Amino acid sequence: MENVVLTVHLLLALALIGVVLLQRSEGGGLGMGGGGGGVTSGRSAATALGKLTWLLAIAFICTSLALTIIAARNSSGSSVLDRITDAPAPAVETEGAAEDDTTLTPEADGDAPLTPTAD
């Protein structure tokens, strides 16, 4: 289910990019030229590409919300930090250590794994 929604989401994103790039530039964005013909008029007529842009944007937002809900439902509800066991840190010996021994290795404990495992 998540893969289907994700695929639709990506297709909507590509379609939205394409439709926006196909639209005619209205000018006036960021103070650039383009004439002042649209300044005095009320609302410009909605074109087919404008309506399609709104439709694709609404569908894109809906799939974004659906993906968020699916991801929240699939989460385990616990943090990675909650799974760390309280293992004591290895003691560092500075007085009796050899000069060439610069690495610290954890002590091998019979029941504690050295790397975290997925539950």
PDB file of N, CA and C in Angstrom:
ATOM      1  N   MET A   1       0.813  -1.185   0.000  1.00  0.00           N
ATOM      2  CA  MET A   1       0.000   0.000   0.000  1.00  0.00           C
ATOM      3  C   MET A   1       0.864   1.259   0.000  1.00  0.00           C
ATOM      4  N   GLU A   2       1.898   1.226   0.824  1.00  0.00           N
ATOM      5  CA  GLU A   2       2.774   2.396   0.913  1.00  0.00           C
ATOM      6  C   GLU A   2       3.494   2.634  -0.410  1.00  0.00           C
ATOM      7  N   ASN A   3       3.898   1.557  -1.076  1.00  0.00           N
ATOM      8  CA  ASN A   3       4.596   1.700  -2.359  1.00  0.00           C
ATOM      9  C   ASN A   3       3.675   2.284  -3.430  1.00  0.00           C
ATOM     10  N   VAL A   4       2.410   1.901  -3.410  1.00  0.00           N
ATOM     11  CA  VAL A   4       1.457   2.432  -4.387  1.00  0.00           C
ATOM     12  C   VAL A   4       1.252   3.930  -4.170  1.00  0.00           C
ATOM     13  N   VAL A   5       1.046   4.331  -2.926  1.00  0.00           N
ATOM     14  CA  VAL A   5       0.838   5.749  -2.619  1.00  0.00           C
ATOM     15  C   VAL A   5       2.102   6.548  -2.938  1.00  0.00           C
ATOM     16  N   LEU A   6       3.260   5.967  -2.660  1.00  0.00           N
ATOM     17  CA  LEU A   6       4.515   6.651  -2.957  1.00  0.00           C
ATOM     18  C   LEU A   6       4.709   6.819  -4.467  1.00  0.00           C
ATOM     19  N   THR A   7       4.361   5.807  -5.237  1.00  0.00           N
ATOM     20  CA  THR A   7       4.460   5.907  -6.691  1.00  0.00           C
ATOM     21  C   THR A   7       3.520   6.979  -7.241  1.00  0.00           C
ATOM     22  N   VAL A   8       2.292   7.002  -6.750  1.00  0.00           N
ATOM     23  CA  VAL A   8       1.330   8.028  -7.168  1.00  0.00           C
ATOM     24  C   VAL A   8       1.839   9.412  -6.767  1.00  0.00           C
ATOM     25  N   HIS A   9       2.422   9.510  -5.589  1.00  0.00           N
ATOM     26  CA  HIS A   9       2.960  10.770  -5.086  1.00  0.00           C
ATOM     27  C   HIS A   9       4.067  11.292  -6.014  1.00  0.00           C
ATOM     28  N   LEU A  10       4.972  10.403  -6.417  1.00  0.00           N
ATOM     29  CA  LEU A  10       6.059  10.817  -7.299  1.00  0.00           C
ATOM     30  C   LEU A  10       5.539  11.213  -8.684  1.00  0.00           C
ATOM     31  N   LEU A  11       4.556  10.483  -9.195  1.00  0.00           N
ATOM     32  CA  LEU A  11       3.966  10.843 -10.484  1.00  0.00           C
ATOM     33  C   LEU A  11       3.250  12.198 -10.404  1.00  0.00           C
ATOM     34  N   LEU A  12       2.562  12.442  -9.296  1.00  0.00           N
ATOM     35  CA  LEU A  12       1.910  13.742  -9.113  1.00  0.00           C
ATOM     36  C   LEU A  12       2.934  14.868  -9.048  1.00  0.00           C
ATOM     37  N   ALA A  13       4.059  14.619  -8.384  1.00  0.00           N
ATOM     38  CA  ALA A  13       5.099  15.642  -8.292  1.00  0.00           C
ATOM     39  C   ALA A  13       5.649  15.981  -9.670  1.00  0.00           C
ATOM     40  N   LEU A  14       5.917  14.959 -10.474  1.00  0.00           N
ATOM     41  CA  LEU A  14       6.430  15.205 -11.821  1.00  0.00           C
ATOM     42  C   LEU A  14       5.394  15.918 -12.689  1.00  0.00           C
ATOM     43  N   ALA A  15       4.132  15.512 -12.580  1.00  0.00           N
ATOM     44  CA  ALA A  15       3.068  16.160 -13.349  1.00  0.00           C
ATOM     45  C   ALA A  15       2.895  17.612 -12.924  1.00  0.00           C
ATOM     46  N   LEU A  16       2.975  17.877 -11.632  1.00  0.00           N
ATOM     47  CA  LEU A  16       2.840  19.242 -11.125  1.00  0.00           C
ATOM     48  C   LEU A  16       3.975  20.125 -11.633  1.00  0.00           C
ATOM     49  N   ILE A  17       5.179  19.593 -11.639  1.00  0.00           N
ATOM     50  CA  ILE A  17       6.320  20.350 -12.168  1.00  0.00           C
ATOM     51  C   ILE A  17       6.103  20.656 -13.645  1.00  0.00           C
ATOM     52  N   GLY A  18       5.662  19.652 -14.406  1.00  0.00           N
ATOM     53  CA  GLY A  18       5.433  19.856 -15.834  1.00  0.00           C
ATOM     54  C   GLY A  18       4.354  20.873 -16.120  1.00  0.00           C
ATOM     55  N   VAL A  19       3.252  20.815 -15.380  1.00  0.00           N
ATOM     56  CA  VAL A  19       2.147  21.752 -15.616  1.00  0.00           C
ATOM     57  C   VAL A  19       2.558  23.179 -15.254  1.00  0.00           C
ATOM     58  N   VAL A  20       3.298  23.337 -14.200  1.00  0.00           N
ATOM     59  CA  VAL A  20       3.743  24.681 -13.810  1.00  0.00           C
ATOM     60  C   VAL A  20       4.704  25.242 -14.861  1.00  0.00           C
ATOM     61  N   LEU A  21       5.571  24.388 -15.391  1.00  0.00           N
ATOM     62  CA  LEU A  21       6.507  24.873 -16.403  1.00  0.00           C
ATOM     63  C   LEU A  21       5.813  25.192 -17.728  1.00  0.00           C
ATOM     64  N   LEU A  22       4.681  24.567 -18.009  1.00  0.00           N
ATOM     65  CA  LEU A  22       3.949  24.834 -19.248  1.00  0.00           C
ATOM     66  C   LEU A  22       3.161  26.141 -19.206  1.00  0.00           C
ATOM     67  N   GLN A  23       2.880  26.638 -18.026  1.00  0.00           N
ATOM     68  CA  GLN A  23       2.055  27.832 -17.910  1.00  0.00           C
ATOM     69  C   GLN A  23       2.804  29.066 -18.391  1.00  0.00           C
ATOM     70  N   ARG A  24       2.034  30.016 -18.890  1.00  0.00           N
ATOM     71  CA  ARG A  24       2.597  31.268 -19.371  1.00  0.00           C
ATOM     72  C   ARG A  24       2.994  32.125 -18.174  1.00  0.00           C
ATOM     73  N   SER A  25       4.130  32.776 -18.293  1.00  0.00           N
ATOM     74  CA  SER A  25       4.600  33.642 -17.229  1.00  0.00           C
ATOM     75  C   SER A  25       3.724  34.889 -17.182  1.00  0.00           C
ATOM     76  N   GLU A  26       3.238  35.228 -16.020  1.00  0.00           N
ATOM     77  CA  GLU A  26       2.378  36.401 -15.861  1.00  0.00           C
ATOM     78  C   GLU A  26       3.187  37.677 -15.735  1.00  0.00           C
ATOM     79  N   GLY A  27       4.466  37.576 -15.443  1.00  0.00           N
ATOM     80  CA  GLY A  27       5.288  38.762 -15.239  1.00  0.00           C
ATOM     81  C   GLY A  27       4.938  39.384 -13.894  1.00  0.00           C
ATOM     82  N   GLY A  28       5.661  40.363 -13.519  1.00  0.00           N
ATOM     83  CA  GLY A  28       5.384  41.053 -12.265  1.00  0.00           C
ATOM     84  C   GLY A  28       5.896  40.307 -11.050  1.00  0.00           C
ATOM     85  N   GLY A  29       6.369  39.097 -11.236  1.00  0.00           N
ATOM     86  CA  GLY A  29       6.921  38.361 -10.108  1.00  0.00           C
ATOM     87  C   GLY A  29       8.268  38.943  -9.733  1.00  0.00           C
ATOM     88  N   LEU A  30       8.474  39.221  -8.483  1.00  0.00           N
ATOM     89  CA  LEU A  30       9.708  39.801  -7.961  1.00  0.00           C
ATOM     90  C   LEU A  30      10.028  41.154  -8.596  1.00  0.00           C
ATOM     91  N   GLY A  31       8.980  41.865  -9.047  1.00  0.00           N
ATOM     92  CA  GLY A  31       9.185  43.207  -9.579  1.00  0.00           C
ATOM     93  C   GLY A  31       9.744  43.248 -10.980  1.00  0.00           C
ATOM     94  N   MET A  32       9.780  42.120 -11.671  1.00  0.00           N
ATOM     95  CA  MET A  32      10.298  42.115 -13.041  1.00  0.00           C
ATOM     96  C   MET A  32       9.235  42.661 -13.975  1.00  0.00           C
ATOM     97  N   GLY A  33       9.649  43.035 -15.173  1.00  0.00           N
ATOM     98  CA  GLY A  33       8.769  43.654 -16.161  1.00  0.00           C
ATOM     99  C   GLY A  33       7.521  42.844 -16.451  1.00  0.00           C
ATOM    100  N   GLY A  34       6.996  42.941 -17.639  1.00  0.00           N
ATOM    101  CA  GLY A  34       5.829  42.173 -18.014  1.00  0.00           C
ATOM    102  C   GLY A  34       4.591  43.019 -18.164  1.00  0.00           C
ATOM    103  N   GLY A  35       4.665  44.296 -17.939  1.00  0.00           N
ATOM    104  CA  GLY A  35       3.518  45.177 -18.134  1.00  0.00           C
ATOM    105  C   GLY A  35       2.614  45.206 -16.920  1.00  0.00           C
ATOM    106  N   GLY A  36       1.769  46.211 -16.880  1.00  0.00           N
ATOM    107  CA  GLY A  36       0.878  46.378 -15.740  1.00  0.00           C
ATOM    108  C   GLY A  36      -0.565  46.127 -16.080  1.00  0.00           C
ATOM    109  N   GLY A  37      -0.841  45.363 -17.133  1.00  0.00           N
ATOM    110  CA  GLY A  37      -2.212  45.125 -17.557  1.00  0.00           C
ATOM    111  C   GLY A  37      -3.031  44.372 -16.528  1.00  0.00           C
ATOM    112  N   GLY A  38      -2.421  43.492 -15.768  1.00  0.00           N
ATOM    113  CA  GLY A  38      -3.162  42.690 -14.810  1.00  0.00           C
ATOM    114  C   GLY A  38      -3.319  43.356 -13.459  1.00  0.00           C
ATOM    115  N   VAL A  39      -2.682  44.505 -13.267  1.00  0.00           N
ATOM    116  CA  VAL A  39      -2.707  45.151 -11.962  1.00  0.00           C
ATOM    117  C   VAL A  39      -4.073  45.775 -11.689  1.00  0.00           C
ATOM    118  N   THR A  40      -4.668  46.372 -12.700  1.00  0.00           N
ATOM    119  CA  THR A  40      -5.922  47.088 -12.476  1.00  0.00           C
ATOM    120  C   THR A  40      -7.139  46.178 -12.551  1.00  0.00           C
ATOM    121  N   SER A  41      -7.004  45.015 -13.166  1.00  0.00           N
ATOM    122  CA  SER A  41      -8.154  44.120 -13.259  1.00  0.00           C
ATOM    123  C   SER A  41      -8.339  43.366 -11.951  1.00  0.00           C
ATOM    124  N   GLY A  42      -9.557  42.885 -11.717  1.00  0.00           N
ATOM    125  CA  GLY A  42      -9.863  42.163 -10.489  1.00  0.00           C
ATOM    126  C   GLY A  42      -9.191  40.805 -10.457  1.00  0.00           C
ATOM    127  N   ARG A  43      -9.899  39.782 -10.927  1.00  0.00           N
ATOM    128  CA  ARG A  43      -9.318  38.445 -10.988  1.00  0.00           C
ATOM    129  C   ARG A  43      -9.170  38.049 -12.439  1.00  0.00           C
ATOM    130  N   SER A  44      -8.077  37.388 -12.736  1.00  0.00           N
ATOM    131  CA  SER A  44      -7.902  36.910 -14.098  1.00  0.00           C
ATOM    132  C   SER A  44      -8.700  35.634 -14.283  1.00  0.00           C
ATOM    133  N   ALA A  45      -9.074  35.355 -15.509  1.00  0.00           N
ATOM    134  CA  ALA A  45      -9.867  34.161 -15.797  1.00  0.00           C
ATOM    135  C   ALA A  45      -9.027  32.922 -15.542  1.00  0.00           C
ATOM    136  N   ALA A  46      -9.643  31.930 -14.933  1.00  0.00           N
ATOM    137  CA  ALA A  46      -8.948  30.690 -14.631  1.00  0.00           C
ATOM    138  C   ALA A  46      -8.792  29.886 -15.912  1.00  0.00           C
ATOM    139  N   THR A  47      -7.574  29.522 -16.211  1.00  0.00           N
ATOM    140  CA  THR A  47      -7.313  28.728 -17.403  1.00  0.00           C
ATOM    141  C   THR A  47      -7.376  27.246 -17.044  1.00  0.00           C
ATOM    142  N   ALA A  48      -7.361  26.416 -18.074  1.00  0.00           N
ATOM    143  CA  ALA A  48      -7.388  24.970 -17.844  1.00  0.00           C
ATOM    144  C   ALA A  48      -6.122  24.521 -17.123  1.00  0.00           C
ATOM    145  N   LEU A  49      -4.972  25.115 -17.481  1.00  0.00           N
ATOM    146  CA  LEU A  49      -3.734  24.739 -16.798  1.00  0.00           C
ATOM    147  C   LEU A  49      -3.744  25.201 -15.341  1.00  0.00           C
ATOM    148  N   GLY A  50      -4.367  26.331 -15.073  1.00  0.00           N
ATOM    149  CA  GLY A  50      -4.474  26.803 -13.689  1.00  0.00           C
ATOM    150  C   GLY A  50      -5.321  25.874 -12.847  1.00  0.00           C
ATOM    151  N   LYS A  51      -6.436  25.423 -13.426  1.00  0.00           N
ATOM    152  CA  LYS A  51      -7.296  24.484 -12.700  1.00  0.00           C
ATOM    153  C   LYS A  51      -6.602  23.140 -12.500  1.00  0.00           C
ATOM    154  N   LEU A  52      -5.867  22.694 -13.525  1.00  0.00           N
ATOM    155  CA  LEU A  52      -5.138  21.432 -13.410  1.00  0.00           C
ATOM    156  C   LEU A  52      -4.038  21.537 -12.351  1.00  0.00           C
ATOM    157  N   THR A  53      -3.418  22.703 -12.272  1.00  0.00           N
ATOM    158  CA  THR A  53      -2.391  22.912 -11.247  1.00  0.00           C
ATOM    159  C   THR A  53      -2.987  22.789  -9.854  1.00  0.00           C
ATOM    160  N   TRP A  54      -4.155  23.403  -9.641  1.00  0.00           N
ATOM    161  CA  TRP A  54      -4.811  23.311  -8.332  1.00  0.00           C
ATOM    162  C   TRP A  54      -5.197  21.864  -8.017  1.00  0.00           C
ATOM    163  N   LEU A  55      -5.705  21.151  -9.009  1.00  0.00           N
ATOM    164  CA  LEU A  55      -6.103  19.758  -8.804  1.00  0.00           C
ATOM    165  C   LEU A  55      -4.908  18.890  -8.442  1.00  0.00           C
ATOM    166  N   LEU A  56      -3.812  19.063  -9.178  1.00  0.00           N
ATOM    167  CA  LEU A  56      -2.604  18.286  -8.882  1.00  0.00           C
ATOM    168  C   LEU A  56      -2.017  18.658  -7.525  1.00  0.00           C
ATOM    169  N   ALA A  57      -2.075  19.935  -7.161  1.00  0.00           N
ATOM    170  CA  ALA A  57      -1.544  20.354  -5.861  1.00  0.00           C
ATOM    171  C   ALA A  57      -2.359  19.763  -4.716  1.00  0.00           C
ATOM    172  N   ILE A  58      -3.677  19.736  -4.854  1.00  0.00           N
ATOM    173  CA  ILE A  58      -4.528  19.153  -3.805  1.00  0.00           C
ATOM    174  C   ILE A  58      -4.279  17.655  -3.697  1.00  0.00           C
ATOM    175  N   ALA A  59      -4.153  16.977  -4.849  1.00  0.00           N
ATOM    176  CA  ALA A  59      -3.865  15.542  -4.827  1.00  0.00           C
ATOM    177  C   ALA A  59      -2.490  15.268  -4.225  1.00  0.00           C
ATOM    178  N   PHE A  60      -1.504  16.133  -4.509  1.00  0.00           N
ATOM    179  CA  PHE A  60      -0.162  15.979  -3.950  1.00  0.00           C
ATOM    180  C   PHE A  60      -0.184  16.113  -2.429  1.00  0.00           C
ATOM    181  N   ILE A  61      -0.934  17.076  -1.919  1.00  0.00           N
ATOM    182  CA  ILE A  61      -1.042  17.263  -0.470  1.00  0.00           C
ATOM    183  C   ILE A  61      -1.749  16.076   0.174  1.00  0.00           C
ATOM    184  N   CYS A  62      -2.773  15.549  -0.490  1.00  0.00           N
ATOM    185  CA  CYS A  62      -3.485  14.378   0.061  1.00  0.00           C
ATOM    186  C   CYS A  62      -2.577  13.158   0.127  1.00  0.00           C
ATOM    187  N   THR A  63      -1.774  12.931  -0.911  1.00  0.00           N
ATOM    188  CA  THR A  63      -0.860  11.788  -0.853  1.00  0.00           C
ATOM    189  C   THR A  63       0.245  12.013   0.179  1.00  0.00           C
ATOM    190  N   SER A  64       0.647  13.265   0.375  1.00  0.00           N
ATOM    191  CA  SER A  64       1.631  13.556   1.430  1.00  0.00           C
ATOM    192  C   SER A  64       1.067  13.210   2.798  1.00  0.00           C
ATOM    193  N   LEU A  65      -0.178  13.589   3.041  1.00  0.00           N
ATOM    194  CA  LEU A  65      -0.814  13.247   4.321  1.00  0.00           C
ATOM    195  C   LEU A  65      -0.990  11.743   4.469  1.00  0.00           C
ATOM    196  N   ALA A  66      -1.358  11.069   3.392  1.00  0.00           N
ATOM    197  CA  ALA A  66      -1.520   9.620   3.446  1.00  0.00           C
ATOM    198  C   ALA A  66      -0.203   8.930   3.762  1.00  0.00           C
ATOM    199  N   LEU A  67       0.886   9.388   3.155  1.00  0.00           N
ATOM    200  CA  LEU A  67       2.202   8.800   3.449  1.00  0.00           C
ATOM    201  C   LEU A  67       2.618   9.054   4.893  1.00  0.00           C
ATOM    202  N   THR A  68       2.268  10.224   5.418  1.00  0.00           N
ATOM    203  CA  THR A  68       2.584  10.518   6.818  1.00  0.00           C
ATOM    204  C   THR A  68       1.813   9.605   7.754  1.00  0.00           C
ATOM    205  N   ILE A  69       0.542   9.384   7.465  1.00  0.00           N
ATOM    206  CA  ILE A  69      -0.286   8.513   8.303  1.00  0.00           C
ATOM    207  C   ILE A  69       0.210   7.079   8.229  1.00  0.00           C
ATOM    208  N   ILE A  70       0.564   6.611   7.039  1.00  0.00           N
ATOM    209  CA  ILE A  70       1.065   5.242   6.885  1.00  0.00           C
ATOM    210  C   ILE A  70       2.381   5.076   7.637  1.00  0.00           C
ATOM    211  N   ALA A  71       3.273   6.046   7.541  1.00  0.00           N
ATOM    212  CA  ALA A  71       4.561   5.963   8.238  1.00  0.00           C
ATOM    213  C   ALA A  71       4.369   5.984   9.748  1.00  0.00           C
ATOM    214  N   ALA A  72       3.424   6.778  10.235  1.00  0.00           N
ATOM    215  CA  ALA A  72       3.176   6.826  11.678  1.00  0.00           C
ATOM    216  C   ALA A  72       2.584   5.510  12.173  1.00  0.00           C
ATOM    217  N   ARG A  73       1.753   4.890  11.366  1.00  0.00           N
ATOM    218  CA  ARG A  73       1.145   3.616  11.750  1.00  0.00           C
ATOM    219  C   ARG A  73       2.173   2.490  11.756  1.00  0.00           C
ATOM    220  N   ASN A  74       3.162   2.562  10.855  1.00  0.00           N
ATOM    221  CA  ASN A  74       4.174   1.513  10.755  1.00  0.00           C
ATOM    222  C   ASN A  74       5.315   1.683  11.748  1.00  0.00           C
ATOM    223  N   SER A  75       5.400   2.825  12.395  1.00  0.00           N
ATOM    224  CA  SER A  75       6.511   3.036  13.329  1.00  0.00           C
ATOM    225  C   SER A  75       6.317   2.172  14.568  1.00  0.00           C
ATOM    226  N   SER A  76       7.419   1.823  15.202  1.00  0.00           N
ATOM    227  CA  SER A  76       7.363   0.907  16.341  1.00  0.00           C
ATOM    228  C   SER A  76       6.924   1.601  17.620  1.00  0.00           C
ATOM    229  N   GLY A  77       6.964   2.900  17.659  1.00  0.00           N
ATOM    230  CA  GLY A  77       6.526   3.616  18.850  1.00  0.00           C
ATOM    231  C   GLY A  77       7.609   3.798  19.892  1.00  0.00           C
ATOM    232  N   SER A  78       8.801   3.332  19.610  1.00  0.00           N
ATOM    233  CA  SER A  78       9.888   3.521  20.558  1.00  0.00           C
ATOM    234  C   SER A  78      11.096   4.078  19.822  1.00  0.00           C
ATOM    235  N   SER A  79      11.911   4.760  20.538  1.00  0.00           N
ATOM    236  CA  SER A  79      13.097   5.363  19.981  1.00  0.00           C
ATOM    237  C   SER A  79      14.248   4.358  19.986  1.00  0.00           C
ATOM    238  N   VAL A  80      15.240   4.619  19.166  1.00  0.00           N
ATOM    239  CA  VAL A  80      16.434   3.779  19.169  1.00  0.00           C
ATOM    240  C   VAL A  80      17.141   3.898  20.511  1.00  0.00           C
ATOM    241  N   LEU A  81      17.084   5.089  21.102  1.00  0.00           N
ATOM    242  CA  LEU A  81      17.742   5.294  22.389  1.00  0.00           C
ATOM    243  C   LEU A  81      17.077   4.493  23.508  1.00  0.00           C
ATOM    244  N   ASP A  82      15.789   4.162  23.351  1.00  0.00           N
ATOM    245  CA  ASP A  82      15.111   3.358  24.358  1.00  0.00           C
ATOM    246  C   ASP A  82      15.609   1.924  24.381  1.00  0.00           C
ATOM    247  N   ARG A  83      16.187   1.457  23.279  1.00  0.00           N
ATOM    248  CA  ARG A  83      16.634   0.068  23.181  1.00  0.00           C
ATOM    249  C   ARG A  83      18.054  -0.147  23.690  1.00  0.00           C
ATOM    250  N   ILE A  84      18.769   0.916  23.978  1.00  0.00           N
ATOM    251  CA  ILE A  84      20.145   0.775  24.448  1.00  0.00           C
ATOM    252  C   ILE A  84      20.134   0.272  25.880  1.00  0.00           C
ATOM    253  N   THR A  85      20.894  -0.767  26.120  1.00  0.00           N
ATOM    254  CA  THR A  85      20.985  -1.299  27.485  1.00  0.00           C
ATOM    255  C   THR A  85      21.964  -0.456  28.282  1.00  0.00           C
ATOM    256  N   ASP A  86      21.781  -0.432  29.572  1.00  0.00           N
ATOM    257  CA  ASP A  86      22.652   0.341  30.448  1.00  0.00           C
ATOM    258  C   ASP A  86      23.899  -0.475  30.760  1.00  0.00           C
ATOM    259  N   ALA A  87      24.830  -0.502  29.837  1.00  0.00           N
ATOM    260  CA  ALA A  87      26.090  -1.214  30.034  1.00  0.00           C
ATOM    261  C   ALA A  87      27.115  -0.224  30.576  1.00  0.00           C
ATOM    262  N   PRO A  88      27.888  -0.639  31.559  1.00  0.00           N
ATOM    263  CA  PRO A  88      28.896   0.283  32.089  1.00  0.00           C
ATOM    264  C   PRO A  88      29.995   0.531  31.059  1.00  0.00           C
ATOM    265  N   ALA A  89      30.526   1.738  31.080  1.00  0.00           N
ATOM    266  CA  ALA A  89      31.606   2.085  30.167  1.00  0.00           C
ATOM    267  C   ALA A  89      32.886   1.385  30.608  1.00  0.00           C
ATOM    268  N   PRO A  90      33.720   0.982  29.661  1.00  0.00           N
ATOM    269  CA  PRO A  90      34.966   0.312  30.041  1.00  0.00           C
ATOM    270  C   PRO A  90      35.895   1.287  30.760  1.00  0.00           C
ATOM    271  N   ALA A  91      36.601   0.765  31.739  1.00  0.00           N
ATOM    272  CA  ALA A  91      37.532   1.588  32.512  1.00  0.00           C
ATOM    273  C   ALA A  91      38.769   1.872  31.674  1.00  0.00           C
ATOM    274  N   VAL A  92      39.256   3.099  31.797  1.00  0.00           N
ATOM    275  CA  VAL A  92      40.443   3.500  31.058  1.00  0.00           C
ATOM    276  C   VAL A  92      41.605   3.537  32.030  1.00  0.00           C
ATOM    277  N   GLU A  93      42.636   2.745  31.709  1.00  0.00           N
ATOM    278  CA  GLU A  93      43.834   2.731  32.554  1.00  0.00           C
ATOM    279  C   GLU A  93      44.889   3.588  31.886  1.00  0.00           C
ATOM    280  N   THR A  94      45.296   4.656  32.549  1.00  0.00           N
ATOM    281  CA  THR A  94      46.272   5.554  31.940  1.00  0.00           C
ATOM    282  C   THR A  94      47.667   5.353  32.509  1.00  0.00           C
ATOM    283  N   GLU A  95      47.794   4.896  33.747  1.00  0.00           N
ATOM    284  CA  GLU A  95      49.112   4.807  34.360  1.00  0.00           C
ATOM    285  C   GLU A  95      49.886   3.595  33.866  1.00  0.00           C
ATOM    286  N   GLY A  96      49.240   2.443  33.776  1.00  0.00           N
ATOM    287  CA  GLY A  96      49.958   1.221  33.426  1.00  0.00           C
ATOM    288  C   GLY A  96      49.879   0.874  31.960  1.00  0.00           C
ATOM    289  N   ALA A  97      49.314   1.708  31.133  1.00  0.00           N
ATOM    290  CA  ALA A  97      49.145   1.378  29.722  1.00  0.00           C
ATOM    291  C   ALA A  97      50.442   1.563  28.960  1.00  0.00           C
ATOM    292  N   ALA A  98      50.648   0.717  27.979  1.00  0.00           N
ATOM    293  CA  ALA A  98      51.836   0.837  27.139  1.00  0.00           C
ATOM    294  C   ALA A  98      51.671   2.020  26.195  1.00  0.00           C
ATOM    295  N   GLU A  99      52.785   2.571  25.737  1.00  0.00           N
ATOM    296  CA  GLU A  99      52.712   3.750  24.888  1.00  0.00           C
ATOM    297  C   GLU A  99      52.135   3.434  23.516  1.00  0.00           C
ATOM    298  N   ASP A 100      52.367   2.223  22.987  1.00  0.00           N
ATOM    299  CA  ASP A 100      51.874   1.886  21.670  1.00  0.00           C
ATOM    300  C   ASP A 100      50.432   1.378  21.683  1.00  0.00           C
ATOM    301  N   ASP A 101      49.849   1.149  22.843  1.00  0.00           N
ATOM    302  CA  ASP A 101      48.478   0.652  22.950  1.00  0.00           C
ATOM    303  C   ASP A 101      47.524   1.843  23.034  1.00  0.00           C
ATOM    304  N   THR A 102      47.054   2.309  21.884  1.00  0.00           N
ATOM    305  CA  THR A 102      46.196   3.491  21.864  1.00  0.00           C
ATOM    306  C   THR A 102      44.732   3.146  21.619  1.00  0.00           C
ATOM    307  N   THR A 103      44.405   1.901  21.367  1.00  0.00           N
ATOM    308  CA  THR A 103      43.014   1.533  21.103  1.00  0.00           C
ATOM    309  C   THR A 103      42.358   1.010  22.361  1.00  0.00           C
ATOM    310  N   LEU A 104      41.098   1.327  22.500  1.00  0.00           N
ATOM    311  CA  LEU A 104      40.309   0.823  23.613  1.00  0.00           C
ATOM    312  C   LEU A 104      39.287  -0.150  23.041  1.00  0.00           C
ATOM    313  N   THR A 105      39.268  -1.344  23.525  1.00  0.00           N
ATOM    314  CA  THR A 105      38.292  -2.330  23.061  1.00  0.00           C
ATOM    315  C   THR A 105      37.334  -2.618  24.204  1.00  0.00           C
ATOM    316  N   PRO A 106      36.050  -2.764  23.889  1.00  0.00           N
ATOM    317  CA  PRO A 106      35.093  -3.067  24.947  1.00  0.00           C
ATOM    318  C   PRO A 106      35.285  -4.491  25.443  1.00  0.00           C
ATOM    319  N   GLU A 107      34.971  -4.661  26.695  1.00  0.00           N
ATOM    320  CA  GLU A 107      35.086  -6.000  27.266  1.00  0.00           C
ATOM    321  C   GLU A 107      33.969  -6.872  26.714  1.00  0.00           C
ATOM    322  N   ALA A 108      34.312  -8.105  26.380  1.00  0.00           N
ATOM    323  CA  ALA A 108      33.312  -9.024  25.837  1.00  0.00           C
ATOM    324  C   ALA A 108      32.448  -9.535  26.976  1.00  0.00           C
ATOM    325  N   ASP A 109      31.162  -9.199  26.913  1.00  0.00           N
ATOM    326  CA  ASP A 109      30.208  -9.650  27.921  1.00  0.00           C
ATOM    327  C   ASP A 109      29.368 -10.744  27.282  1.00  0.00           C
ATOM    328  N   GLY A 110      29.071 -11.775  28.006  1.00  0.00           N
ATOM    329  CA  GLY A 110      28.365 -12.921  27.454  1.00  0.00           C
ATOM    330  C   GLY A 110      26.969 -12.628  26.967  1.00  0.00           C
ATOM    331  N   ASP A 111      26.231 -11.720  27.614  1.00  0.00           N
ATOM    332  CA  ASP A 111      24.836 -11.504  27.226  1.00  0.00           C
ATOM    333  C   ASP A 111      24.590 -10.197  26.489  1.00  0.00           C
ATOM    334  N   ALA A 112      25.532  -9.281  26.469  1.00  0.00           N
ATOM    335  CA  ALA A 112      25.318  -7.993  25.820  1.00  0.00           C
ATOM    336  C   ALA A 112      25.967  -7.993  24.435  1.00  0.00           C
ATOM    337  N   PRO A 113      25.191  -7.670  23.382  1.00  0.00           N
ATOM    338  CA  PRO A 113      25.793  -7.610  22.046  1.00  0.00           C
ATOM    339  C   PRO A 113      26.644  -6.362  21.902  1.00  0.00           C
ATOM    340  N   LEU A 114      27.667  -6.443  21.061  1.00  0.00           N
ATOM    341  CA  LEU A 114      28.522  -5.299  20.839  1.00  0.00           C
ATOM    342  C   LEU A 114      27.883  -4.279  19.913  1.00  0.00           C
ATOM    343  N   THR A 115      26.986  -4.732  19.055  1.00  0.00           N
ATOM    344  CA  THR A 115      26.292  -3.827  18.144  1.00  0.00           C
ATOM    345  C   THR A 115      24.804  -3.921  18.419  1.00  0.00           C
ATOM    346  N   PRO A 116      24.075  -2.844  18.193  1.00  0.00           N
ATOM    347  CA  PRO A 116      22.621  -2.895  18.406  1.00  0.00           C
ATOM    348  C   PRO A 116      21.967  -3.807  17.385  1.00  0.00           C
ATOM    349  N   THR A 117      20.938  -4.487  17.805  1.00  0.00           N
ATOM    350  CA  THR A 117      20.216  -5.380  16.907  1.00  0.00           C
ATOM    351  C   THR A 117      18.802  -4.848  16.726  1.00  0.00           C
ATOM    352  N   ALA A 118      18.238  -5.161  15.572  1.00  0.00           N
ATOM    353  CA  ALA A 118      16.860  -4.748  15.298  1.00  0.00           C
ATOM    354  C   ALA A 118      15.898  -5.699  15.984  1.00  0.00           C
ATOM    355  N   ASP A 119      14.870  -5.156  16.555  1.00  0.00           N
ATOM    356  CA  ASP A 119      13.894  -6.017  17.260  1.00  0.00           C
ATOM    357  C   ASP A 119      12.864  -6.553  16.314  1.00  0.00           C
TER     358      ASP A 119
END
